[in-house]
Amino acid sequence: MLRKPNPTSNLRRRRFEKDIERGIFMEWILGITVLGIVLLLVILFFSFVPVGLWVSALAANVRISIITLIGMRLRRVKPARIVIPLIKGRKAGLELGVNQLEAHYLAGGNVDNVVNALIASERAGIELKFEKAAAIDLAGRNVLEAVKMSVNPKVIETTNVSAVAKDGIELLVKARVTVRADLERLVGGAGEATILARIGEGIVTTVGSAVSHKEVLENPDDISKRVLTKGLDSGTAFEILSIDIADIDVGRNIGAHLQGLQAEADKNIAQAKAEERRAMAIAKEQEMRAYVVEAEAEVPKALAQALREGRMGVMDYYELQNLKADTAMRQQIGGDAKDKKITE
């Protein structure tokens, strides 16, 4: 006898199947979420912890721990700036420590440049300690270039130095100075500008002490010898090996030019003095004329006084007036004739 299906049991079965499907779906979501979190943590780990540098250090037989690399990250130090120079130095046989390199990096130094300088000095047989190289680098100088200059000296060429001999002839001297870096004096030592200034001063002094410019042209090596004996590299970061005179040109005749300027100045002074004397003469003439006018003004008074006192008669007075009129007429006639000659 067949049983009729129970609607209640079918409903329960369907609900159970849906619950199973929902549980499987939630498990999938949970699994994907966990996997994403794990991948994110792995990515963050490898981005924060330089595992590649750690593996490279192990491969180069340089012992450095992951904790040390993480500490560099926390101290805001780029591990590559420390680990790569460390590997390079250890391979070159240098005894370098992580703390030394990291301290120099935090002080603002160029770790890679310092390590390269130490390697170059080691290969060249130059004694250079890490502390000295770090001090040179922190002083703002290129320690690697200094080591290279110690091995291969540098040639500095001066500009045309103008110097005047005792005979007044100007000479334009150009010199080439061969210098070598002194690693012991790089910190606090003067630079190339001081060397060039002292070389120029020595050239001017040597040429200026020569009696004639021909002596300098005949023996240009005297300049090099005298300049070298003065010890111009004292207090500088370089050692002067040689000074070679590259070129000497004859310039202007400074002595003749100065004499011309002196003659022009003397002429101006003489003209000024002559003008002063002329002005004084004109003033003296005007003063004398003033005295004459003043004296002429006293003549009528004297005549009137003489007439009152009876020392001059009326006839004498008229004769004086006739004489003045005759003189004025003659002067007028002479002046007209003179003007006529000028017009003719």
C-alpha atoms as a PDB file:
ATOM      1  CA  MET A   1       0.000   0.000   0.000  1.00  0.00           C
ATOM      2  CA  LEU A   2       1.546   3.318  -1.140  1.00  0.00           C
ATOM      3  CA  ARG A   3       2.019   6.154   1.308  1.00  0.00           C
ATOM      4  CA  LYS A   4       1.123   9.683   0.472  1.00  0.00           C
ATOM      5  CA  PRO A   5       4.013  12.187   0.558  1.00  0.00           C
ATOM      6  CA  ASN A   6       4.115  14.305   3.642  1.00  0.00           C
ATOM      7  CA  PRO A   7       4.214  18.020   2.751  1.00  0.00           C
ATOM      8  CA  THR A   8       5.874  18.895   6.076  1.00  0.00           C
ATOM      9  CA  SER A   9       8.796  16.538   5.587  1.00  0.00           C
ATOM     10  CA  ASN A  10       9.410  17.838   2.067  1.00  0.00           C
ATOM     11  CA  LEU A  11       9.544  21.391   3.356  1.00  0.00           C
ATOM     12  CA  ARG A  12      12.025  20.423   6.025  1.00  0.00           C
ATOM     13  CA  ARG A  13      14.191  18.667   3.482  1.00  0.00           C
ATOM     14  CA  ARG A  14      14.272  21.720   1.273  1.00  0.00           C
ATOM     15  CA  ARG A  15      15.168  23.961   4.175  1.00  0.00           C
ATOM     16  CA  PHE A  16      18.007  21.634   5.123  1.00  0.00           C
ATOM     17  CA  GLU A  17      19.392  21.639   1.605  1.00  0.00           C
ATOM     18  CA  LYS A  18      19.278  25.448   1.492  1.00  0.00           C
ATOM     19  CA  ASP A  19      21.080  25.642   4.833  1.00  0.00           C
ATOM     20  CA  ILE A  20      23.789  23.365   3.489  1.00  0.00           C
ATOM     21  CA  GLU A  21      24.224  25.461   0.368  1.00  0.00           C
ATOM     22  CA  ARG A  22      24.337  28.670   2.430  1.00  0.00           C
ATOM     23  CA  GLY A  23      26.983  27.214   4.763  1.00  0.00           C
ATOM     24  CA  ILE A  24      29.148  26.156   1.841  1.00  0.00           C
ATOM     25  CA  PHE A  25      28.894  29.668   0.339  1.00  0.00           C
ATOM     26  CA  MET A  26      29.886  31.309   3.649  1.00  0.00           C
ATOM     27  CA  GLU A  27      32.851  28.965   3.958  1.00  0.00           C
ATOM     28  CA  TRP A  28      33.986  29.986   0.482  1.00  0.00           C
ATOM     29  CA  ILE A  29      33.701  33.670   1.358  1.00  0.00           C
ATOM     30  CA  LEU A  30      35.565  33.141   4.634  1.00  0.00           C
ATOM     31  CA  GLY A  31      38.305  31.205   2.903  1.00  0.00           C
ATOM     32  CA  ILE A  32      38.777  33.857   0.219  1.00  0.00           C
ATOM     33  CA  THR A  33      38.875  36.579   2.883  1.00  0.00           C
ATOM     34  CA  VAL A  34      41.478  34.744   4.935  1.00  0.00           C
ATOM     35  CA  LEU A  35      43.560  34.099   1.827  1.00  0.00           C
ATOM     36  CA  GLY A  36      43.425  37.800   0.880  1.00  0.00           C
ATOM     37  CA  ILE A  37      44.477  38.848   4.360  1.00  0.00           C
ATOM     38  CA  VAL A  38      47.361  36.378   4.288  1.00  0.00           C
ATOM     39  CA  LEU A  39      48.480  37.639   0.875  1.00  0.00           C
ATOM     40  CA  LEU A  40      48.258  41.238   2.077  1.00  0.00           C
ATOM     41  CA  LEU A  41      50.346  40.425   5.146  1.00  0.00           C
ATOM     42  CA  VAL A  42      52.920  38.658   2.996  1.00  0.00           C
ATOM     43  CA  ILE A  43      53.113  41.620   0.634  1.00  0.00           C
ATOM     44  CA  LEU A  44      53.468  44.044   3.540  1.00  0.00           C
ATOM     45  CA  PHE A  45      56.108  41.830   5.098  1.00  0.00           C
ATOM     46  CA  PHE A  46      58.221  41.654   1.950  1.00  0.00           C
ATOM     47  CA  SER A  47      57.799  45.373   1.291  1.00  0.00           C
ATOM     48  CA  PHE A  48      58.813  46.327   4.825  1.00  0.00           C
ATOM     49  CA  VAL A  49      61.453  43.666   5.382  1.00  0.00           C
ATOM     50  CA  PRO A  50      64.131  43.613   2.631  1.00  0.00           C
ATOM     51  CA  VAL A  51      64.378  39.878   2.329  1.00  0.00           C
ATOM     52  CA  GLY A  52      66.167  40.217  -1.010  1.00  0.00           C
ATOM     53  CA  LEU A  53      68.988  42.202   0.596  1.00  0.00           C
ATOM     54  CA  TRP A  54      69.172  39.677   3.410  1.00  0.00           C
ATOM     55  CA  VAL A  55      69.521  36.830   0.910  1.00  0.00           C
ATOM     56  CA  SER A  56      72.170  38.777  -1.027  1.00  0.00           C
ATOM     57  CA  ALA A  57      74.108  39.390   2.177  1.00  0.00           C
ATOM     58  CA  LEU A  58      73.966  35.697   3.086  1.00  0.00           C
ATOM     59  CA  ALA A  59      75.127  34.766  -0.403  1.00  0.00           C
ATOM     60  CA  ALA A  60      78.087  37.145  -0.007  1.00  0.00           C
ATOM     61  CA  ASN A  61      78.922  35.631   3.401  1.00  0.00           C
ATOM     62  CA  VAL A  62      77.975  38.837   5.187  1.00  0.00           C
ATOM     63  CA  ARG A  63      76.123  38.049   8.399  1.00  0.00           C
ATOM     64  CA  ILE A  64      73.256  40.446   9.026  1.00  0.00           C
ATOM     65  CA  SER A  65      69.987  39.629  10.741  1.00  0.00           C
ATOM     66  CA  ILE A  66      66.446  40.354   9.677  1.00  0.00           C
ATOM     67  CA  ILE A  67      65.944  42.236  12.948  1.00  0.00           C
ATOM     68  CA  THR A  68      68.769  44.593  12.013  1.00  0.00           C
ATOM     69  CA  LEU A  69      67.163  45.296   8.651  1.00  0.00           C
ATOM     70  CA  ILE A  70      63.794  45.927  10.310  1.00  0.00           C
ATOM     71  CA  GLY A  71      65.525  48.299  12.749  1.00  0.00           C
ATOM     72  CA  MET A  72      66.949  50.233   9.805  1.00  0.00           C
ATOM     73  CA  ARG A  73      63.451  50.650   8.431  1.00  0.00           C
ATOM     74  CA  LEU A  74      62.227  51.915  11.785  1.00  0.00           C
ATOM     75  CA  ARG A  75      65.138  54.381  11.970  1.00  0.00           C
ATOM     76  CA  ARG A  76      64.263  55.613   8.450  1.00  0.00           C
ATOM     77  CA  VAL A  77      67.468  54.279   6.988  1.00  0.00           C
ATOM     78  CA  LYS A  78      67.369  52.764   3.508  1.00  0.00           C
ATOM     79  CA  PRO A  79      68.845  49.276   3.975  1.00  0.00           C
ATOM     80  CA  ALA A  80      70.182  49.181   0.422  1.00  0.00           C
ATOM     81  CA  ARG A  81      72.387  52.236   1.175  1.00  0.00           C
ATOM     82  CA  ILE A  82      74.027  50.228   3.984  1.00  0.00           C
ATOM     83  CA  VAL A  83      73.960  46.579   2.886  1.00  0.00           C
ATOM     84  CA  ILE A  84      75.306  47.015  -0.661  1.00  0.00           C
ATOM     85  CA  PRO A  85      78.363  49.114   0.399  1.00  0.00           C
ATOM     86  CA  LEU A  86      78.890  46.659   3.273  1.00  0.00           C
ATOM     87  CA  ILE A  87      78.965  43.714   0.862  1.00  0.00           C
ATOM     88  CA  LYS A  88      81.295  45.649  -1.443  1.00  0.00           C
ATOM     89  CA  GLY A  89      83.672  46.499   1.410  1.00  0.00           C
ATOM     90  CA  ARG A  90      83.701  42.975   2.850  1.00  0.00           C
ATOM     91  CA  LYS A  91      84.470  41.521  -0.565  1.00  0.00           C
ATOM     92  CA  ALA A  92      87.360  43.982  -0.872  1.00  0.00           C
ATOM     93  CA  GLY A  93      88.755  42.818   2.457  1.00  0.00           C
ATOM     94  CA  LEU A  94      87.762  45.844   4.526  1.00  0.00           C
ATOM     95  CA  GLU A  95      86.711  45.477   8.144  1.00  0.00           C
ATOM     96  CA  LEU A  96      83.512  47.472   8.174  1.00  0.00           C
ATOM     97  CA  GLY A  97      80.604  47.310  10.590  1.00  0.00           C
ATOM     98  CA  VAL A  98      76.921  47.962  10.111  1.00  0.00           C
ATOM     99  CA  ASN A  99      76.867  50.503  12.918  1.00  0.00           C
ATOM    100  CA  GLN A 100      79.719  52.515  11.345  1.00  0.00           C
ATOM    101  CA  LEU A 101      77.998  52.780   7.984  1.00  0.00           C
ATOM    102  CA  GLU A 102      74.595  53.492   9.496  1.00  0.00           C
ATOM    103  CA  ALA A 103      75.972  56.218  11.759  1.00  0.00           C
ATOM    104  CA  HIS A 104      77.672  57.894   8.798  1.00  0.00           C
ATOM    105  CA  TYR A 105      74.445  57.681   6.777  1.00  0.00           C
ATOM    106  CA  LEU A 106      72.417  59.246   9.598  1.00  0.00           C
ATOM    107  CA  ALA A 107      75.004  62.047   9.826  1.00  0.00           C
ATOM    108  CA  GLY A 108      74.268  62.942   6.207  1.00  0.00           C
ATOM    109  CA  GLY A 109      77.274  61.293   4.578  1.00  0.00           C
ATOM    110  CA  ASN A 110      77.607  59.385   1.327  1.00  0.00           C
ATOM    111  CA  VAL A 111      78.284  55.814   2.464  1.00  0.00           C
ATOM    112  CA  ASP A 112      78.844  54.411  -1.009  1.00  0.00           C
ATOM    113  CA  ASN A 113      81.380  57.121  -1.880  1.00  0.00           C
ATOM    114  CA  VAL A 114      83.302  56.558   1.355  1.00  0.00           C
ATOM    115  CA  VAL A 115      83.477  52.782   0.807  1.00  0.00           C
ATOM    116  CA  ASN A 116      84.632  53.274  -2.791  1.00  0.00           C
ATOM    117  CA  ALA A 117      87.343  55.652  -1.544  1.00  0.00           C
ATOM    118  CA  LEU A 118      88.488  53.112   1.050  1.00  0.00           C
ATOM    119  CA  ILE A 119      88.668  50.376  -1.600  1.00  0.00           C
ATOM    120  CA  ALA A 120      90.623  52.648  -3.971  1.00  0.00           C
ATOM    121  CA  SER A 121      93.071  53.684  -1.240  1.00  0.00           C
ATOM    122  CA  GLU A 122      93.537  50.028  -0.244  1.00  0.00           C
ATOM    123  CA  ARG A 123      94.361  49.068  -3.825  1.00  0.00           C
ATOM    124  CA  ALA A 124      96.718  52.046  -4.231  1.00  0.00           C
ATOM    125  CA  GLY A 125      98.547  51.364  -0.977  1.00  0.00           C
ATOM    126  CA  ILE A 126      97.439  54.625   0.639  1.00  0.00           C
ATOM    127  CA  GLU A 127      96.673  54.498   4.339  1.00  0.00           C
ATOM    128  CA  LEU A 128      93.164  55.810   4.899  1.00  0.00           C
ATOM    129  CA  LYS A 129      90.977  54.883   7.833  1.00  0.00           C
ATOM    130  CA  PHE A 130      87.198  54.904   7.827  1.00  0.00           C
ATOM    131  CA  GLU A 131      87.034  57.706  10.409  1.00  0.00           C
ATOM    132  CA  LYS A 132      89.256  59.951   8.289  1.00  0.00           C
ATOM    133  CA  ALA A 133      87.343  59.199   5.104  1.00  0.00           C
ATOM    134  CA  ALA A 134      84.029  59.845   6.875  1.00  0.00           C
ATOM    135  CA  ALA A 135      85.337  63.159   8.241  1.00  0.00           C
ATOM    136  CA  ILE A 136      86.455  64.254   4.759  1.00  0.00           C
ATOM    137  CA  ASP A 137      83.063  63.304   3.319  1.00  0.00           C
ATOM    138  CA  LEU A 138      81.142  65.141   6.039  1.00  0.00           C
ATOM    139  CA  ALA A 139      83.337  68.214   5.474  1.00  0.00           C
ATOM    140  CA  GLY A 140      81.783  68.525   2.022  1.00  0.00           C
ATOM    141  CA  ARG A 141      84.702  67.234  -0.040  1.00  0.00           C
ATOM    142  CA  ASN A 142      84.583  64.350  -2.504  1.00  0.00           C
ATOM    143  CA  VAL A 143      86.769  61.785  -0.764  1.00  0.00           C
ATOM    144  CA  LEU A 144      86.820  59.466  -3.784  1.00  0.00           C
ATOM    145  CA  GLU A 145      88.080  62.279  -6.039  1.00  0.00           C
ATOM    146  CA  ALA A 146      90.687  63.130  -3.397  1.00  0.00           C
ATOM    147  CA  VAL A 147      91.998  59.551  -3.406  1.00  0.00           C
ATOM    148  CA  LYS A 148      92.089  59.556  -7.214  1.00  0.00           C
ATOM    149  CA  MET A 149      93.970  62.871  -7.152  1.00  0.00           C
ATOM    150  CA  SER A 150      96.455  61.377  -4.709  1.00  0.00           C
ATOM    151  CA  VAL A 151      97.168  58.589  -7.183  1.00  0.00           C
ATOM    152  CA  ASN A 152      96.882  60.684 -10.366  1.00  0.00           C
ATOM    153  CA  PRO A 153      97.917  64.336  -9.731  1.00  0.00           C
ATOM    154  CA  LYS A 154      95.767  67.089 -11.192  1.00  0.00           C
ATOM    155  CA  VAL A 155      96.950  69.940 -13.428  1.00  0.00           C
ATOM    156  CA  ILE A 156      95.468  73.375 -12.690  1.00  0.00           C
ATOM    157  CA  GLU A 157      95.897  76.109 -15.311  1.00  0.00           C
ATOM    158  CA  THR A 158      95.911  79.725 -14.234  1.00  0.00           C
ATOM    159  CA  THR A 159      94.468  82.597 -16.200  1.00  0.00           C
ATOM    160  CA  ASN A 160      96.717  85.304 -17.688  1.00  0.00           C
ATOM    161  CA  VAL A 161      98.467  86.929 -14.730  1.00  0.00           C
ATOM    162  CA  SER A 162      99.407  90.559 -15.421  1.00  0.00           C
ATOM    163  CA  ALA A 163     102.788  91.565 -13.958  1.00  0.00           C
ATOM    164  CA  VAL A 164     105.014  94.607 -14.602  1.00  0.00           C
ATOM    165  CA  ALA A 165     108.822  94.573 -14.566  1.00  0.00           C
ATOM    166  CA  LYS A 166     110.915  97.486 -13.310  1.00  0.00           C
ATOM    167  CA  ASP A 167     111.331  98.865 -16.838  1.00  0.00           C
ATOM    168  CA  GLY A 168     107.555  99.390 -17.024  1.00  0.00           C
ATOM    169  CA  ILE A 169     106.749  96.608 -19.527  1.00  0.00           C
ATOM    170  CA  GLU A 170     103.706  94.454 -18.757  1.00  0.00           C
ATOM    171  CA  LEU A 171     103.978  90.656 -19.084  1.00  0.00           C
ATOM    172  CA  LEU A 172     101.001  88.287 -19.296  1.00  0.00           C
ATOM    173  CA  VAL A 173     102.034  84.980 -17.728  1.00  0.00           C
ATOM    174  CA  LYS A 174     100.051  81.728 -17.832  1.00  0.00           C
ATOM    175  CA  ALA A 175     101.170  78.811 -15.644  1.00  0.00           C
ATOM    176  CA  ARG A 176     100.222  75.153 -15.184  1.00  0.00           C
ATOM    177  CA  VAL A 177     100.353  73.875 -11.618  1.00  0.00           C
ATOM    178  CA  THR A 178     100.539  70.140 -10.884  1.00  0.00           C
ATOM    179  CA  VAL A 179      99.028  69.366  -7.480  1.00  0.00           C
ATOM    180  CA  ARG A 180      98.364  66.223  -5.489  1.00  0.00           C
ATOM    181  CA  ALA A 181      95.705  65.920  -2.795  1.00  0.00           C
ATOM    182  CA  ASP A 182      96.977  65.618   0.755  1.00  0.00           C
ATOM    183  CA  LEU A 183      94.485  63.413   2.612  1.00  0.00           C
ATOM    184  CA  GLU A 184      95.780  64.525   5.995  1.00  0.00           C
ATOM    185  CA  ARG A 185      95.001  68.192   5.243  1.00  0.00           C
ATOM    186  CA  LEU A 186      91.725  67.809   3.387  1.00  0.00           C
ATOM    187  CA  VAL A 187      89.732  68.645   6.509  1.00  0.00           C
ATOM    188  CA  GLY A 188      90.261  72.362   7.135  1.00  0.00           C
ATOM    189  CA  GLY A 189      92.677  72.882   4.241  1.00  0.00           C
ATOM    190  CA  ALA A 190      92.227  75.601   1.628  1.00  0.00           C
ATOM    191  CA  GLY A 191      91.086  74.723  -1.886  1.00  0.00           C
ATOM    192  CA  GLU A 192      92.177  75.348  -5.464  1.00  0.00           C
ATOM    193  CA  ALA A 193      91.216  79.035  -5.379  1.00  0.00           C
ATOM    194  CA  THR A 194      93.829  79.701  -2.694  1.00  0.00           C
ATOM    195  CA  ILE A 195      96.480  77.852  -4.705  1.00  0.00           C
ATOM    196  CA  LEU A 196      95.718  79.952  -7.798  1.00  0.00           C
ATOM    197  CA  ALA A 197      95.745  83.192  -5.806  1.00  0.00           C
ATOM    198  CA  ARG A 198      99.133  82.392  -4.265  1.00  0.00           C
ATOM    199  CA  ILE A 199     100.592  81.391  -7.626  1.00  0.00           C
ATOM    200  CA  GLY A 200      99.426  84.708  -9.089  1.00  0.00           C
ATOM    201  CA  GLU A 201     100.969  86.588  -6.184  1.00  0.00           C
ATOM    202  CA  GLY A 202     104.284  84.762  -6.661  1.00  0.00           C
ATOM    203  CA  ILE A 203     104.345  85.522 -10.401  1.00  0.00           C
ATOM    204  CA  VAL A 204     103.650  89.231  -9.806  1.00  0.00           C
ATOM    205  CA  THR A 205     106.396  89.416  -7.163  1.00  0.00           C
ATOM    206  CA  THR A 206     108.956  87.598  -9.306  1.00  0.00           C
ATOM    207  CA  VAL A 207     108.314  89.635 -12.455  1.00  0.00           C
ATOM    208  CA  GLY A 208     108.146  92.877 -10.469  1.00  0.00           C
ATOM    209  CA  SER A 209     111.603  92.251  -8.993  1.00  0.00           C
ATOM    210  CA  ALA A 210     113.169  91.817 -12.459  1.00  0.00           C
ATOM    211  CA  VAL A 211     115.123  94.829 -13.742  1.00  0.00           C
ATOM    212  CA  SER A 212     113.999  94.261 -17.315  1.00  0.00           C
ATOM    213  CA  HIS A 213     111.223  92.223 -18.873  1.00  0.00           C
ATOM    214  CA  LYS A 214     113.820  90.695 -21.180  1.00  0.00           C
ATOM    215  CA  GLU A 215     115.333  88.832 -18.232  1.00  0.00           C
ATOM    216  CA  VAL A 216     112.000  87.130 -17.593  1.00  0.00           C
ATOM    217  CA  LEU A 217     111.558  86.267 -21.264  1.00  0.00           C
ATOM    218  CA  GLU A 218     115.079  84.779 -21.391  1.00  0.00           C
ATOM    219  CA  ASN A 219     114.687  82.693 -18.228  1.00  0.00           C
ATOM    220  CA  PRO A 220     111.023  81.860 -17.575  1.00  0.00           C
ATOM    221  CA  ASP A 221     112.026  78.953 -15.338  1.00  0.00           C
ATOM    222  CA  ASP A 222     113.196  81.498 -12.748  1.00  0.00           C
ATOM    223  CA  ILE A 223     109.528  82.182 -12.032  1.00  0.00           C
ATOM    224  CA  SER A 224     108.894  78.499 -11.274  1.00  0.00           C
ATOM    225  CA  LYS A 225     111.951  78.186  -9.047  1.00  0.00           C
ATOM    226  CA  ARG A 226     111.224  81.299  -6.991  1.00  0.00           C
ATOM    227  CA  VAL A 227     107.537  80.503  -6.597  1.00  0.00           C
ATOM    228  CA  LEU A 228     108.240  76.908  -5.504  1.00  0.00           C
ATOM    229  CA  THR A 229     110.684  78.054  -2.833  1.00  0.00           C
ATOM    230  CA  LYS A 230     107.982  80.117  -1.114  1.00  0.00           C
ATOM    231  CA  GLY A 231     105.986  77.097   0.089  1.00  0.00           C
ATOM    232  CA  LEU A 232     102.690  78.219  -1.370  1.00  0.00           C
ATOM    233  CA  ASP A 233     100.948  74.936  -0.497  1.00  0.00           C
ATOM    234  CA  SER A 234     101.148  75.458   3.260  1.00  0.00           C
ATOM    235  CA  GLY A 235      97.723  75.410   4.875  1.00  0.00           C
ATOM    236  CA  THR A 236      96.071  73.999   1.769  1.00  0.00           C
ATOM    237  CA  ALA A 237      94.620  70.576   0.988  1.00  0.00           C
ATOM    238  CA  PHE A 238      97.117  70.032  -1.819  1.00  0.00           C
ATOM    239  CA  GLU A 239     100.816  69.476  -2.353  1.00  0.00           C
ATOM    240  CA  ILE A 240     102.361  71.422  -5.235  1.00  0.00           C
ATOM    241  CA  LEU A 241     104.543  69.120  -7.310  1.00  0.00           C
ATOM    242  CA  SER A 242     105.594  71.478 -10.091  1.00  0.00           C
ATOM    243  CA  ILE A 243     104.882  74.876 -11.629  1.00  0.00           C
ATOM    244  CA  ASP A 244     105.405  75.154 -15.371  1.00  0.00           C
ATOM    245  CA  ILE A 245     105.201  78.413 -17.312  1.00  0.00           C
ATOM    246  CA  ALA A 246     102.948  77.702 -20.283  1.00  0.00           C
ATOM    247  CA  ASP A 247     103.002  81.081 -22.026  1.00  0.00           C
ATOM    248  CA  ILE A 248     104.406  84.610 -21.642  1.00  0.00           C
ATOM    249  CA  ASP A 249     103.082  87.505 -23.731  1.00  0.00           C
ATOM    250  CA  VAL A 250     104.354  91.086 -23.785  1.00  0.00           C
ATOM    251  CA  GLY A 251     101.580  93.516 -22.963  1.00  0.00           C
ATOM    252  CA  ARG A 252     101.430  97.294 -22.728  1.00  0.00           C
ATOM    253  CA  ASN A 253     104.192  99.727 -21.808  1.00  0.00           C
ATOM    254  CA  ILE A 254     102.788 100.575 -18.412  1.00  0.00           C
ATOM    255  CA  GLY A 255     105.737 102.840 -17.543  1.00  0.00           C
ATOM    256  CA  ALA A 256     105.225 105.059 -20.610  1.00  0.00           C
ATOM    257  CA  HIS A 257     101.506 105.104 -19.995  1.00  0.00           C
ATOM    258  CA  LEU A 258     102.024 106.192 -16.400  1.00  0.00           C
ATOM    259  CA  GLN A 259     104.511 108.863 -17.488  1.00  0.00           C
ATOM    260  CA  GLY A 260     101.966 110.167 -19.985  1.00  0.00           C
ATOM    261  CA  LEU A 261      99.335 110.311 -17.286  1.00  0.00           C
ATOM    262  CA  GLN A 262     101.797 112.109 -14.990  1.00  0.00           C
ATOM    263  CA  ALA A 263     102.637 114.633 -17.719  1.00  0.00           C
ATOM    264  CA  GLU A 264      98.950 115.246 -18.338  1.00  0.00           C
ATOM    265  CA  ALA A 265      98.396 115.733 -14.629  1.00  0.00           C
ATOM    266  CA  ASP A 266     101.353 118.154 -14.416  1.00  0.00           C
ATOM    267  CA  LYS A 267      99.985 120.108 -17.393  1.00  0.00           C
ATOM    268  CA  ASN A 268      96.582 120.388 -15.753  1.00  0.00           C
ATOM    269  CA  ILE A 269      98.221 121.563 -12.533  1.00  0.00           C
ATOM    270  CA  ALA A 270     100.285 124.210 -14.432  1.00  0.00           C
ATOM    271  CA  GLN A 271      97.189 125.395 -16.273  1.00  0.00           C
ATOM    272  CA  ALA A 272      95.299 125.678 -13.026  1.00  0.00           C
ATOM    273  CA  LYS A 273      98.121 127.686 -11.436  1.00  0.00           C
ATOM    274  CA  ALA A 274      98.365 129.997 -14.497  1.00  0.00           C
ATOM    275  CA  GLU A 275      94.626 130.549 -14.385  1.00  0.00           C
ATOM    276  CA  GLU A 276      94.943 131.358 -10.704  1.00  0.00           C
ATOM    277  CA  ARG A 277      97.697 133.911 -11.379  1.00  0.00           C
ATOM    278  CA  ARG A 278      95.651 135.482 -14.221  1.00  0.00           C
ATOM    279  CA  ALA A 279      92.643 135.792 -11.977  1.00  0.00           C
ATOM    280  CA  MET A 280      94.798 137.426  -9.273  1.00  0.00           C
ATOM    281  CA  ALA A 281      96.238 139.887 -11.849  1.00  0.00           C
ATOM    282  CA  ILE A 282      92.762 140.841 -13.071  1.00  0.00           C
ATOM    283  CA  ALA A 283      91.646 141.344  -9.489  1.00  0.00           C
ATOM    284  CA  LYS A 284      94.732 143.500  -8.804  1.00  0.00           C
ATOM    285  CA  GLU A 285      94.058 145.588 -11.932  1.00  0.00           C
ATOM    286  CA  GLN A 286      90.470 146.161 -10.937  1.00  0.00           C
ATOM    287  CA  GLU A 287      91.645 147.128  -7.470  1.00  0.00           C
ATOM    288  CA  MET A 288      94.101 149.702  -8.938  1.00  0.00           C
ATOM    289  CA  ARG A 289      91.380 151.124 -11.152  1.00  0.00           C
ATOM    290  CA  ALA A 290      89.193 151.492  -8.126  1.00  0.00           C
ATOM    291  CA  TYR A 291      91.992 153.425  -6.418  1.00  0.00           C
ATOM    292  CA  VAL A 292      92.303 155.705  -9.510  1.00  0.00           C
ATOM    293  CA  VAL A 293      88.574 156.377  -9.604  1.00  0.00           C
ATOM    294  CA  GLU A 294      88.633 157.079  -5.902  1.00  0.00           C
ATOM    295  CA  ALA A 295      91.550 159.496  -6.351  1.00  0.00           C
ATOM    296  CA  GLU A 296      89.855 161.264  -9.297  1.00  0.00           C
ATOM    297  CA  ALA A 297      86.793 161.716  -7.132  1.00  0.00           C
ATOM    298  CA  GLU A 298      88.951 163.691  -4.686  1.00  0.00           C
ATOM    299  CA  VAL A 299      90.230 166.119  -7.389  1.00  0.00           C
ATOM    300  CA  PRO A 300      87.144 168.421  -7.481  1.00  0.00           C
ATOM    301  CA  LYS A 301      87.208 168.647  -3.729  1.00  0.00           C
ATOM    302  CA  ALA A 302      90.869 169.620  -3.792  1.00  0.00           C
ATOM    303  CA  LEU A 303      90.231 172.273  -6.488  1.00  0.00           C
ATOM    304  CA  ALA A 304      87.378 173.742  -4.515  1.00  0.00           C
ATOM    305  CA  GLN A 305      89.538 173.809  -1.386  1.00  0.00           C
ATOM    306  CA  ALA A 306      92.389 175.498  -3.300  1.00  0.00           C
ATOM    307  CA  LEU A 307      90.037 178.141  -4.721  1.00  0.00           C
ATOM    308  CA  ARG A 308      88.632 178.887  -1.288  1.00  0.00           C
ATOM    309  CA  GLU A 309      92.048 179.164   0.278  1.00  0.00           C
ATOM    310  CA  GLY A 310      93.396 181.361  -2.571  1.00  0.00           C
ATOM    311  CA  ARG A 311      96.102 178.897  -3.631  1.00  0.00           C
ATOM    312  CA  MET A 312      94.603 178.811  -7.140  1.00  0.00           C
ATOM    313  CA  GLY A 313      93.208 181.655  -9.137  1.00  0.00           C
ATOM    314  CA  VAL A 314      90.307 181.732 -11.463  1.00  0.00           C
ATOM    315  CA  MET A 315      92.606 181.943 -14.469  1.00  0.00           C
ATOM    316  CA  ASP A 316      94.469 178.901 -13.302  1.00  0.00           C
ATOM    317  CA  TYR A 317      91.210 177.034 -13.024  1.00  0.00           C
ATOM    318  CA  TYR A 318      90.183 178.024 -16.567  1.00  0.00           C
ATOM    319  CA  GLU A 319      93.571 177.027 -17.936  1.00  0.00           C
ATOM    320  CA  LEU A 320      93.136 173.654 -16.274  1.00  0.00           C
ATOM    321  CA  GLN A 321      89.720 173.236 -17.828  1.00  0.00           C
ATOM    322  CA  ASN A 322      91.100 174.220 -21.281  1.00  0.00           C
ATOM    323  CA  LEU A 323      93.864 171.697 -20.857  1.00  0.00           C
ATOM    324  CA  LYS A 324      91.364 168.948 -20.024  1.00  0.00           C
ATOM    325  CA  ALA A 325      89.188 169.868 -23.010  1.00  0.00           C
ATOM    326  CA  ASP A 326      92.205 169.891 -25.320  1.00  0.00           C
ATOM    327  CA  THR A 327      93.293 166.518 -24.013  1.00  0.00           C
ATOM    328  CA  ALA A 328      89.806 165.056 -24.469  1.00  0.00           C
ATOM    329  CA  MET A 329      89.633 166.413 -28.008  1.00  0.00           C
ATOM    330  CA  ARG A 330      92.992 164.894 -28.887  1.00  0.00           C
ATOM    331  CA  GLN A 331      91.964 161.568 -27.421  1.00  0.00           C
ATOM    332  CA  GLN A 332      88.731 161.668 -29.407  1.00  0.00           C
ATOM    333  CA  ILE A 333      90.570 162.496 -32.633  1.00  0.00           C
ATOM    334  CA  GLY A 334      93.108 159.752 -31.986  1.00  0.00           C
ATOM    335  CA  GLY A 335      90.334 157.273 -31.226  1.00  0.00           C
ATOM    336  CA  ASP A 336      88.430 158.121 -34.423  1.00  0.00           C
ATOM    337  CA  ALA A 337      91.561 157.705 -36.514  1.00  0.00           C
ATOM    338  CA  LYS A 338      92.286 154.362 -34.883  1.00  0.00           C
ATOM    339  CA  ASP A 339      88.750 153.162 -35.530  1.00  0.00           C
ATOM    340  CA  LYS A 340      89.032 154.338 -39.131  1.00  0.00           C
ATOM    341  CA  LYS A 341      92.228 152.338 -39.625  1.00  0.00           C
ATOM    342  CA  ILE A 342      90.566 149.264 -38.206  1.00  0.00           C
ATOM    343  CA  THR A 343      87.573 149.631 -40.520  1.00  0.00           C
ATOM    344  CA  GLU A 344      89.867 150.189 -43.524  1.00  0.00           C
END
